Amino acid sequence: MLELFLLTALPLLNIGLVYFLKNRKIQYSLTLFAATVHLLCSFLIFSGFLNPSENDFIRFDSLTKLFLMVLSNVYFWVTLVSYSYLSRPNIVKEEKSKKLYFMLLNLYLLANTLALISNHLGLFWVASETTTLCVAPLIFYYRDEEALEAMWKYLFLVSVGIAFAFVGFLFLTLSANGTVLDGKQLVVTNFILNAEVLNPIWLKAAFIFVFVGLSTKIGIAPMHPGDIDATSNSPSPVAALMSGSLRGTALIGVLRVYQIMVPTETAEFARIIMIIGGMFSLFVAFVFMFKVTNYKRMISYSSVEHLGLIVIGIGTGGIAFVGAMLHVVYNSITKVVLFLNAGNIHRAYKSRETASVWNVLNAMPWTGWLFLTGFFAIIAMPPFGIFFSELMIFQGLMAKPWLLAGVLFLLFFIFVGMSKTVFQMLYKAPPDIANLPEISEKFDITHFASLILLLMLIGLGLFLPSELYEMVTNIALDFGIIL
């Protein structure tokens, strides 16, 4: 049980230590230590060097290992840059937020870890709701009216969504009435083993409520507004954390219920629901990209686009399912790069509005080029990983030409709209050279993290590790997909 201690007890211990130790460097050091240990432990579990024991509450299957690795990687890089971010000049109101920042980060890590490793849907539900409660004060970091509105909107919509998911889990228990599972706990593995005896009507109802409810956290349209406002108004490290890992934590809840349905006649129903949700998400991102005025919201809607593409791949199955699992990894890394560099732009130009940002490549060359490279990565330019995962999804969609045509049409115009905004920010001439603020830039920890992550994206794309491919194919086998 050493693995479980390292993954959960260390962040739990840090919550107390960080609360009582007020020195920010000590808080940062403790949090970074926990992040490093968590990343190392997750990698060893992912690689098979550690094999944690399992029970009715804890599970370490291939799906858990992949998403745990995504969480650890995103959390490590966000933690690494956090001290530098908190050290920037700020208004007085932000000091109150800084006191809670590292404590809430540790709580976030603990809650997300428990949600990912849970084999019990009750434990998943509690942990998932905890992630909402701990991230809300981080959304309110700037303590202005926009941040307050974003926090309450996120709390309200996501809490309603979590309530929907809870009803879905209740419907899942009703599907077990009169079976060997009647009156037993919501243990995922037990439901998978006895899926064929479950009531299909209640099973369909359970999936609808869970999918709709957790879509508030995943960012699937039309349940996306709370998540969009939260990521576009929160500090860039927090936005990177939410977009890179929190969406995945919610997605695994949907996947667990879908995994129960796979051996039954209701599987096709779940696939249709996911494809519809994914296509609607692409459509919403397509519409927004042509009226974007806020570059952080643009990145947030890009997450809606890519999570939509992921659930389309999951619903399609086959090689598209494998591509979707790889896309989860690549998208998480790319979103960290984009949000961190968007934070640098926000700091320099004092605005999130695209009309107030100009000539970034000349004014901030490090940030400008990294932001541009991150943009190339997110639109699936080779040799970045997203190019290869999207090819797999498209390959799977070839069996459904009408669906493939719709996806390609929407993705093309999302690319056009996003390109227009990004290139205006990077190349547009300033309106009044005489009154321009002085912007100076030095290479810092944010640039270092972005460079490493971009190299990681290229490496994972060009030289897909056999361990990663084996992991996603094992996940596909667990979902009844034979390649």
Protein backbone atom coordinates (compact mmCIF):
# COMPACT_ATOMS: atom_id res chain seq x y z
CA MET A 1 0.00 0.00 0.00
CA LEU A 2 3.04 2.26 -0.28
CA GLU A 3 1.78 3.51 -3.64
CA LEU A 4 -1.55 4.59 -2.15
CA PHE A 5 0.28 6.40 0.66
CA LEU A 6 2.46 8.31 -1.77
CA LEU A 7 -0.47 9.22 -4.01
CA THR A 8 -2.92 10.33 -1.32
CA ALA A 9 -1.38 10.61 2.16
CA LEU A 10 1.39 12.99 1.09
CA PRO A 11 -1.01 15.60 -0.38
CA LEU A 12 -3.25 15.14 2.68
CA LEU A 13 -0.31 15.78 5.01
CA ASN A 14 0.68 18.80 2.96
CA ILE A 15 -2.77 20.35 3.34
CA GLY A 16 -2.20 20.64 7.09
CA LEU A 17 1.44 21.68 6.85
CA VAL A 18 0.82 24.36 4.24
CA TYR A 19 -2.09 25.76 6.24
CA PHE A 20 0.04 26.31 9.36
CA LEU A 21 3.35 27.20 7.66
CA LYS A 22 2.81 30.68 6.27
CA ASN A 23 6.14 31.06 4.48
CA ARG A 24 5.36 30.90 0.77
CA LYS A 25 8.71 29.36 -0.22
CA ILE A 26 8.17 26.53 2.26
CA GLN A 27 4.60 26.05 1.00
CA TYR A 28 5.89 25.91 -2.56
CA SER A 29 8.71 23.48 -1.69
CA LEU A 30 6.34 21.08 0.09
CA THR A 31 3.81 21.21 -2.74
CA LEU A 32 6.47 20.73 -5.43
CA PHE A 33 7.90 17.78 -3.47
CA ALA A 34 4.46 16.15 -3.34
CA ALA A 35 3.97 16.83 -7.05
CA THR A 36 7.34 15.26 -7.89
CA VAL A 37 6.66 12.16 -5.77
CA HIS A 38 3.18 11.85 -7.27
CA LEU A 39 4.57 12.10 -10.80
CA LEU A 40 7.30 9.52 -10.10
CA CYS A 41 4.85 7.13 -8.44
CA SER A 42 2.33 7.51 -11.27
CA PHE A 43 5.05 6.84 -13.83
CA LEU A 44 6.21 3.69 -12.02
CA ILE A 45 2.61 2.44 -11.83
CA PHE A 46 2.07 3.33 -15.50
CA SER A 47 5.27 1.49 -16.49
CA GLY A 48 4.40 -1.60 -14.47
CA PHE A 49 7.25 -1.29 -11.96
CA LEU A 50 4.70 -0.86 -9.18
CA ASN A 51 1.52 -2.93 -8.97
CA PRO A 52 -0.75 -1.53 -6.26
CA SER A 53 -3.27 -3.83 -4.63
CA GLU A 54 -6.95 -3.37 -5.47
CA ASN A 55 -10.23 -3.75 -3.58
CA ASP A 56 -13.87 -2.69 -3.82
CA PHE A 57 -12.89 0.97 -3.45
CA ILE A 58 -9.55 1.24 -5.26
CA ARG A 59 -8.75 0.17 -8.81
CA PHE A 60 -5.63 0.48 -10.97
CA ASP A 61 -6.69 -0.73 -14.40
CA SER A 62 -5.25 0.65 -17.65
CA LEU A 63 -7.76 3.51 -17.77
CA THR A 64 -6.82 4.62 -14.26
CA LYS A 65 -3.11 4.43 -15.02
CA LEU A 66 -3.40 6.58 -18.15
CA PHE A 67 -5.52 9.30 -16.57
CA LEU A 68 -3.44 9.28 -13.39
CA MET A 69 -0.35 9.90 -15.50
CA VAL A 70 -2.10 12.82 -17.24
CA LEU A 71 -3.08 14.34 -13.88
CA SER A 72 0.43 13.96 -12.43
CA ASN A 73 2.14 15.47 -15.45
CA VAL A 74 -0.15 18.52 -15.64
CA TYR A 75 -0.08 19.06 -11.87
CA PHE A 76 3.74 18.91 -11.72
CA TRP A 77 4.27 21.58 -14.38
CA VAL A 78 1.56 23.84 -13.00
CA THR A 79 3.06 23.56 -9.52
CA LEU A 80 6.55 24.23 -10.88
CA VAL A 81 5.55 27.60 -12.34
CA SER A 82 3.19 28.61 -9.50
CA TYR A 83 5.76 30.30 -7.26
CA SER A 84 6.96 32.47 -10.12
CA TYR A 85 3.35 33.37 -10.89
CA LEU A 86 2.57 34.28 -7.28
CA SER A 87 5.73 36.41 -7.08
CA ARG A 88 4.52 38.80 -9.77
CA PRO A 89 3.36 42.30 -8.76
CA ASN A 90 -0.29 42.22 -7.80
CA ILE A 91 -3.10 44.16 -6.21
CA VAL A 92 -3.68 43.93 -2.45
CA LYS A 93 -6.79 41.76 -2.78
CA GLU A 94 -4.78 38.93 -4.34
CA GLU A 95 -2.71 38.48 -1.15
CA LYS A 96 -5.68 36.75 0.51
CA SER A 97 -5.87 34.31 -2.37
CA LYS A 98 -2.15 33.58 -2.22
CA LYS A 99 -2.46 32.40 1.38
CA LEU A 100 -4.79 29.58 0.32
CA TYR A 101 -3.26 28.81 -3.07
CA PHE A 102 -0.91 25.93 -2.21
CA MET A 103 -3.28 24.39 0.33
CA LEU A 104 -6.00 24.25 -2.32
CA LEU A 105 -3.55 22.83 -4.87
CA ASN A 106 -2.79 19.93 -2.54
CA LEU A 107 -6.50 19.36 -1.91
CA TYR A 108 -7.04 19.39 -5.67
CA LEU A 109 -4.38 16.71 -6.16
CA LEU A 110 -5.84 14.54 -3.40
CA ALA A 111 -9.44 14.80 -4.64
CA ASN A 112 -8.57 14.17 -8.29
CA THR A 113 -6.39 11.20 -7.39
CA LEU A 114 -9.18 9.61 -5.35
CA ALA A 115 -11.65 10.18 -8.19
CA LEU A 116 -9.34 8.54 -10.73
CA ILE A 117 -8.41 5.47 -8.66
CA SER A 118 -11.91 4.88 -7.28
CA ASN A 119 -13.63 1.60 -8.07
CA HIS A 120 -16.73 2.74 -6.21
CA LEU A 121 -19.06 5.26 -7.83
CA GLY A 122 -19.97 6.70 -4.43
CA LEU A 123 -16.31 7.48 -3.74
CA PHE A 124 -15.95 8.92 -7.23
CA TRP A 125 -18.96 11.18 -6.68
CA VAL A 126 -17.64 12.54 -3.36
CA ALA A 127 -14.14 13.08 -4.75
CA SER A 128 -15.49 14.74 -7.89
CA GLU A 129 -17.60 17.16 -5.84
CA THR A 130 -14.54 17.92 -3.70
CA THR A 131 -12.61 18.95 -6.82
CA THR A 132 -15.36 21.49 -7.50
CA LEU A 133 -15.21 22.93 -4.00
CA CYS A 134 -11.42 23.24 -3.92
CA VAL A 135 -11.08 24.79 -7.37
CA ALA A 136 -13.78 27.45 -6.80
CA PRO A 137 -11.63 29.68 -4.51
CA LEU A 138 -8.82 29.42 -7.06
CA ILE A 139 -11.17 30.76 -9.74
CA PHE A 140 -11.84 33.71 -7.40
CA TYR A 141 -8.09 34.43 -7.18
CA TYR A 142 -8.30 38.00 -8.56
CA ARG A 143 -11.24 38.84 -6.26
CA ASP A 144 -12.91 41.15 -8.75
CA GLU A 145 -16.47 41.14 -10.08
CA GLU A 146 -15.66 38.98 -13.10
CA ALA A 147 -13.90 36.38 -10.95
CA LEU A 148 -16.76 36.36 -8.44
CA GLU A 149 -19.34 35.85 -11.16
CA ALA A 150 -17.25 33.09 -12.76
CA MET A 151 -16.81 31.30 -9.41
CA TRP A 152 -20.52 31.31 -8.52
CA LYS A 153 -21.52 30.36 -12.04
CA TYR A 154 -19.10 27.45 -11.96
CA LEU A 155 -20.21 26.36 -8.49
CA PHE A 156 -23.90 26.51 -9.40
CA LEU A 157 -23.74 24.80 -12.80
CA VAL A 158 -21.25 22.14 -11.79
CA SER A 159 -23.07 21.40 -8.53
CA VAL A 160 -26.30 20.95 -10.50
CA GLY A 161 -24.36 18.70 -12.86
CA ILE A 162 -22.95 16.66 -9.99
CA ALA A 163 -26.50 16.30 -8.64
CA PHE A 164 -27.55 14.98 -12.07
CA ALA A 165 -24.68 12.49 -11.93
CA PHE A 166 -25.81 11.40 -8.47
CA VAL A 167 -29.30 10.71 -9.85
CA GLY A 168 -27.63 8.75 -12.64
CA PHE A 169 -25.83 6.58 -10.11
CA LEU A 170 -29.15 6.01 -8.30
CA PHE A 171 -30.67 4.88 -11.61
CA LEU A 172 -27.74 2.50 -11.95
CA THR A 173 -28.67 0.91 -8.63
CA LEU A 174 -32.28 0.62 -9.82
CA SER A 175 -31.05 -1.23 -12.90
CA ALA A 176 -29.75 -3.90 -10.52
CA ASN A 177 -33.12 -4.56 -8.84
CA GLY A 178 -33.91 -8.27 -8.81
CA THR A 179 -30.36 -9.27 -9.81
CA VAL A 180 -27.37 -10.59 -7.92
CA LEU A 181 -26.28 -6.96 -7.46
CA ASP A 182 -29.51 -5.94 -5.71
CA GLY A 183 -28.71 -4.07 -2.48
CA LYS A 184 -24.95 -4.19 -3.01
CA GLN A 185 -22.53 -1.30 -3.23
CA LEU A 186 -21.81 0.65 -6.42
CA VAL A 187 -18.61 -1.24 -7.21
CA VAL A 188 -17.73 -0.73 -10.87
CA THR A 189 -16.06 -4.12 -11.40
CA ASN A 190 -19.10 -5.96 -9.99
CA PHE A 191 -21.40 -4.09 -12.36
CA ILE A 192 -19.15 -4.85 -15.34
CA LEU A 193 -19.09 -8.57 -14.52
CA ASN A 194 -22.89 -8.70 -14.19
CA ALA A 195 -23.80 -6.07 -16.81
CA GLU A 196 -25.97 -8.39 -18.91
CA VAL A 197 -28.52 -8.86 -16.10
CA LEU A 198 -29.07 -5.12 -15.57
CA ASN A 199 -32.33 -3.47 -16.60
CA PRO A 200 -31.63 -1.71 -19.94
CA ILE A 201 -34.17 1.09 -19.39
CA TRP A 202 -32.63 2.19 -16.10
CA LEU A 203 -29.16 1.69 -17.57
CA LYS A 204 -29.94 4.12 -20.41
CA ALA A 205 -31.41 6.62 -17.96
CA ALA A 206 -28.30 6.33 -15.79
CA PHE A 207 -25.99 7.09 -18.70
CA ILE A 208 -28.01 10.12 -19.82
CA PHE A 209 -27.93 11.68 -16.35
CA VAL A 210 -24.25 10.89 -15.75
CA PHE A 211 -23.19 12.15 -19.20
CA VAL A 212 -25.22 15.36 -18.97
CA GLY A 213 -24.22 15.97 -15.35
CA LEU A 214 -20.49 15.42 -15.74
CA SER A 215 -20.48 17.39 -19.02
CA THR A 216 -20.54 20.53 -16.86
CA LYS A 217 -17.00 19.63 -15.80
CA ILE A 218 -15.86 18.01 -19.03
CA GLY A 219 -16.98 21.03 -21.07
CA ILE A 220 -19.33 19.23 -23.44
CA ALA A 221 -21.93 21.55 -24.98
CA PRO A 222 -24.52 22.69 -24.04
CA MET A 223 -23.35 22.17 -20.43
CA HIS A 224 -20.09 24.07 -20.97
CA PRO A 225 -20.72 27.74 -19.92
CA GLY A 226 -19.61 27.41 -16.29
CA ASP A 227 -16.34 25.78 -17.24
CA ILE A 228 -15.67 28.37 -19.97
CA ASP A 229 -16.14 31.31 -17.61
CA ALA A 230 -14.03 29.63 -14.93
CA THR A 231 -11.01 28.89 -17.12
CA SER A 232 -11.10 32.27 -18.88
CA ASN A 233 -11.26 34.31 -15.63
CA SER A 234 -9.00 32.28 -13.34
CA PRO A 235 -5.19 32.61 -13.10
CA SER A 236 -3.42 30.91 -15.98
CA PRO A 237 -1.88 28.09 -13.89
CA VAL A 238 -5.35 27.28 -12.51
CA ALA A 239 -6.88 27.43 -16.00
CA ALA A 240 -4.13 25.07 -17.24
CA LEU A 241 -4.82 22.72 -14.35
CA MET A 242 -8.57 22.65 -15.00
CA SER A 243 -8.31 22.33 -18.77
CA GLY A 244 -5.44 19.83 -18.66
CA SER A 245 -6.58 17.48 -15.91
CA LEU A 246 -9.95 18.28 -14.31
CA ARG A 247 -11.85 17.61 -17.53
CA GLY A 248 -10.22 14.18 -17.68
CA THR A 249 -11.28 13.39 -14.13
CA ALA A 250 -14.91 14.04 -15.07
CA LEU A 251 -14.55 12.12 -18.33
CA ILE A 252 -13.43 8.98 -16.51
CA GLY A 253 -16.75 8.98 -14.64
CA VAL A 254 -18.61 8.82 -17.96
CA LEU A 255 -16.24 6.12 -19.19
CA ARG A 256 -16.89 3.98 -16.11
CA VAL A 257 -20.64 3.95 -16.73
CA TYR A 258 -20.07 3.37 -20.46
CA GLN A 259 -17.78 0.45 -19.62
CA ILE A 260 -20.66 -1.15 -17.69
CA MET A 261 -22.91 -0.74 -20.75
CA VAL A 262 -20.43 -2.14 -23.30
CA PRO A 263 -21.41 -5.84 -22.91
CA THR A 264 -25.13 -4.99 -23.13
CA GLU A 265 -27.58 -3.99 -25.84
CA THR A 266 -27.53 -0.42 -24.48
CA ALA A 267 -23.96 0.22 -25.68
CA GLU A 268 -25.10 1.57 -29.06
CA PHE A 269 -27.42 4.03 -27.29
CA ALA A 270 -24.50 5.38 -25.23
CA ARG A 271 -22.35 5.72 -28.34
CA ILE A 272 -25.02 7.73 -30.14
CA ILE A 273 -25.41 10.05 -27.15
CA MET A 274 -21.65 10.68 -27.06
CA ILE A 275 -21.41 11.33 -30.78
CA ILE A 276 -24.30 13.81 -30.62
CA GLY A 277 -22.70 15.59 -27.64
CA GLY A 278 -19.33 15.68 -29.36
CA MET A 279 -20.72 17.06 -32.62
CA PHE A 280 -22.70 19.74 -30.80
CA SER A 281 -19.51 20.74 -28.94
CA LEU A 282 -17.66 21.13 -32.24
CA PHE A 283 -20.53 23.23 -33.57
CA VAL A 284 -20.50 25.52 -30.51
CA ALA A 285 -16.72 25.99 -30.83
CA PHE A 286 -17.15 26.69 -34.56
CA VAL A 287 -19.73 29.43 -33.86
CA PHE A 288 -17.68 31.05 -31.09
CA MET A 289 -14.40 31.19 -33.00
CA PHE A 290 -15.87 33.73 -35.42
CA LYS A 291 -16.85 36.19 -32.70
CA VAL A 292 -13.99 35.75 -30.24
CA THR A 293 -12.91 38.87 -28.36
CA ASN A 294 -11.09 37.25 -25.41
CA TYR A 295 -8.04 35.08 -26.11
CA LYS A 296 -8.35 33.04 -22.90
CA ARG A 297 -11.96 32.25 -23.79
CA MET A 298 -10.70 31.24 -27.22
CA ILE A 299 -8.41 28.65 -25.61
CA SER A 300 -11.27 27.51 -23.37
CA TYR A 301 -13.51 26.96 -26.38
CA SER A 302 -10.67 25.08 -28.01
CA SER A 303 -10.98 22.68 -25.07
CA VAL A 304 -14.70 22.30 -25.84
CA GLU A 305 -13.69 21.45 -29.41
CA HIS A 306 -11.11 18.85 -28.44
CA LEU A 307 -13.16 17.20 -25.70
CA GLY A 308 -15.97 17.00 -28.24
CA LEU A 309 -13.60 15.27 -30.65
CA ILE A 310 -12.51 12.90 -27.89
CA VAL A 311 -16.06 11.77 -27.04
CA ILE A 312 -16.78 11.36 -30.77
CA GLY A 313 -13.76 9.04 -30.96
CA ILE A 314 -14.93 7.11 -27.90
CA GLY A 315 -18.44 6.78 -29.31
CA THR A 316 -17.14 5.67 -32.73
CA GLY A 317 -14.95 2.92 -31.30
CA GLY A 318 -12.23 0.96 -33.08
CA ILE A 319 -9.07 2.84 -33.97
CA ALA A 320 -10.92 6.10 -33.25
CA PHE A 321 -11.19 5.02 -29.60
CA VAL A 322 -7.41 4.53 -29.43
CA GLY A 323 -6.92 7.94 -31.05
CA ALA A 324 -9.26 9.50 -28.50
CA MET A 325 -7.26 8.09 -25.58
CA LEU A 326 -4.02 9.43 -27.07
CA HIS A 327 -5.79 12.73 -27.72
CA VAL A 328 -6.55 13.01 -24.00
CA VAL A 329 -2.79 12.93 -23.34
CA TYR A 330 -1.74 15.32 -26.11
CA ASN A 331 -4.53 17.84 -25.53
CA SER A 332 -3.72 18.06 -21.81
CA ILE A 333 -0.09 18.94 -22.52
CA THR A 334 -0.94 21.50 -25.21
CA LYS A 335 -3.48 23.31 -23.05
CA VAL A 336 -0.88 23.84 -20.33
CA VAL A 337 1.45 25.50 -22.85
CA LEU A 338 -1.28 27.76 -24.24
CA PHE A 339 -2.68 28.88 -20.90
CA LEU A 340 0.71 29.54 -19.30
CA ASN A 341 1.79 31.76 -22.19
CA ALA A 342 -1.62 33.43 -22.32
CA GLY A 343 -0.94 34.33 -18.69
CA ASN A 344 2.30 36.03 -19.71
CA ILE A 345 0.43 38.03 -22.35
CA HIS A 346 -2.22 39.01 -19.82
CA ARG A 347 0.41 40.21 -17.37
CA ALA A 348 2.17 42.35 -20.00
CA TYR A 349 -0.86 43.88 -21.71
CA LYS A 350 -3.15 44.02 -18.65
CA SER A 351 -6.08 42.74 -20.70
CA ARG A 352 -7.65 39.50 -21.92
CA GLU A 353 -9.27 41.25 -24.88
CA THR A 354 -7.69 40.51 -28.24
CA ALA A 355 -8.22 44.13 -29.37
CA SER A 356 -5.81 45.29 -26.64
CA VAL A 357 -3.01 42.90 -27.62
CA TRP A 358 -0.67 43.57 -30.53
CA ASN A 359 2.76 42.76 -31.90
CA VAL A 360 3.42 40.05 -29.30
CA LEU A 361 6.16 38.38 -31.36
CA ASN A 362 8.29 41.54 -31.24
CA ALA A 363 7.32 42.77 -27.78
CA MET A 364 7.59 39.36 -26.06
CA PRO A 365 9.57 37.05 -28.38
CA TRP A 366 9.82 34.07 -25.99
CA THR A 367 6.14 34.13 -25.11
CA GLY A 368 5.10 34.98 -28.66
CA TRP A 369 6.93 32.11 -30.31
CA LEU A 370 5.88 29.61 -27.66
CA PHE A 371 2.26 30.72 -27.93
CA LEU A 372 2.45 30.41 -31.72
CA THR A 373 4.03 26.95 -31.45
CA GLY A 374 1.34 25.90 -28.99
CA PHE A 375 -1.24 27.13 -31.48
CA PHE A 376 0.34 24.99 -34.22
CA ALA A 377 0.20 22.03 -31.84
CA ILE A 378 -3.48 22.49 -30.94
CA ILE A 379 -4.57 22.77 -34.61
CA ALA A 380 -2.87 19.41 -35.24
CA MET A 381 0.12 20.49 -37.29
CA PRO A 382 2.77 17.78 -37.67
CA PRO A 383 4.98 16.71 -35.97
CA PHE A 384 2.99 17.41 -32.79
CA GLY A 385 1.16 14.52 -31.14
CA ILE A 386 -2.35 15.86 -31.78
CA PHE A 387 -1.76 15.44 -35.53
CA PHE A 388 -1.32 11.69 -35.10
CA SER A 389 -4.18 11.19 -32.63
CA GLU A 390 -6.57 13.10 -34.91
CA LEU A 391 -5.48 10.97 -37.85
CA MET A 392 -6.45 7.88 -35.85
CA ILE A 393 -9.84 9.39 -35.03
CA PHE A 394 -10.41 10.30 -38.69
CA GLN A 395 -9.37 6.80 -39.73
CA GLY A 396 -12.01 5.36 -37.42
CA LEU A 397 -14.62 7.82 -38.75
CA MET A 398 -14.08 6.67 -42.33
CA ALA A 399 -16.66 3.96 -41.71
CA LYS A 400 -19.17 6.82 -41.20
CA PRO A 401 -18.46 9.22 -44.08
CA TRP A 402 -21.25 11.65 -43.16
CA LEU A 403 -19.85 12.00 -39.66
CA LEU A 404 -16.28 12.41 -40.91
CA ALA A 405 -17.39 15.10 -43.37
CA GLY A 406 -19.18 17.02 -40.61
CA VAL A 407 -16.19 16.81 -38.26
CA LEU A 408 -13.72 17.96 -40.93
CA PHE A 409 -15.99 20.84 -41.98
CA LEU A 410 -16.32 22.16 -38.41
CA LEU A 411 -12.62 21.66 -37.60
CA PHE A 412 -11.57 23.57 -40.72
CA PHE A 413 -13.61 26.64 -39.84
CA ILE A 414 -12.56 26.46 -36.18
CA PHE A 415 -8.98 26.56 -37.47
CA VAL A 416 -9.78 29.57 -39.68
CA GLY A 417 -11.43 31.52 -36.86
CA MET A 418 -8.74 30.71 -34.33
CA SER A 419 -5.94 31.53 -36.79
CA LYS A 420 -7.37 34.97 -37.45
CA THR A 421 -7.36 35.83 -33.75
CA VAL A 422 -3.91 34.39 -32.99
CA PHE A 423 -2.13 36.03 -35.92
CA GLN A 424 -3.72 39.40 -35.15
CA MET A 425 -2.38 39.18 -31.59
CA LEU A 426 1.09 38.17 -32.72
CA TYR A 427 1.57 40.38 -35.77
CA LYS A 428 -0.89 43.28 -35.60
CA ALA A 429 0.74 46.73 -35.56
CA PRO A 430 0.05 48.81 -32.43
CA PRO A 431 -2.53 51.61 -32.83
CA ASP A 432 -0.45 54.34 -31.22
CA ILE A 433 3.30 53.77 -31.01
CA ALA A 434 3.89 56.91 -28.94
CA ASN A 435 1.72 55.74 -26.04
CA LEU A 436 2.75 52.10 -25.95
CA PRO A 437 3.64 50.67 -22.52
CA GLU A 438 7.18 49.37 -22.16
CA ILE A 439 7.23 45.57 -22.26
CA SER A 440 10.40 43.72 -21.37
CA GLU A 441 10.79 39.97 -21.19
CA LYS A 442 13.35 37.53 -19.87
CA PHE A 443 13.46 33.78 -20.21
CA ASP A 444 11.74 32.36 -17.11
CA ILE A 445 10.37 29.15 -15.61
CA THR A 446 7.16 29.44 -17.65
CA HIS A 447 9.14 29.44 -20.89
CA PHE A 448 11.24 26.52 -19.68
CA ALA A 449 8.15 24.46 -18.83
CA SER A 450 6.55 25.32 -22.18
CA LEU A 451 9.65 24.27 -24.12
CA ILE A 452 9.87 20.91 -22.34
CA LEU A 453 6.16 20.24 -22.86
CA LEU A 454 6.35 21.10 -26.57
CA LEU A 455 9.34 18.80 -26.99
CA MET A 456 7.35 16.14 -25.15
CA LEU A 457 4.49 16.60 -27.61
CA ILE A 458 6.83 16.16 -30.57
CA GLY A 459 8.57 13.16 -29.02
CA LEU A 460 5.32 11.39 -28.12
CA GLY A 461 4.01 12.05 -31.62
CA LEU A 462 7.03 10.94 -33.63
CA PHE A 463 8.24 8.18 -31.34
CA LEU A 464 5.10 6.83 -29.67
CA PRO A 465 6.40 4.82 -26.69
CA SER A 466 5.38 1.17 -26.83
CA GLU A 467 4.24 1.42 -23.19
CA LEU A 468 1.80 4.21 -24.03
CA TYR A 469 0.41 2.46 -27.12
CA GLU A 470 0.07 -0.80 -25.19
CA MET A 471 -1.76 1.04 -22.42
CA VAL A 472 -4.34 2.58 -24.76
CA THR A 473 -4.85 -0.70 -26.61
CA ASN A 474 -5.41 -2.43 -23.26
CA ILE A 475 -8.03 0.22 -22.46
CA ALA A 476 -9.65 -0.53 -25.82
CA LEU A 477 -9.73 -4.25 -24.95
CA ASP A 478 -11.37 -3.42 -21.62
CA PHE A 479 -14.10 -1.69 -23.63
CA GLY A 480 -14.58 -4.69 -25.90
CA ILE A 481 -12.66 -3.22 -28.85
CA ILE A 482 -10.47 -5.63 -30.77
CA LEU A 483 -8.12 -3.85 -33.18
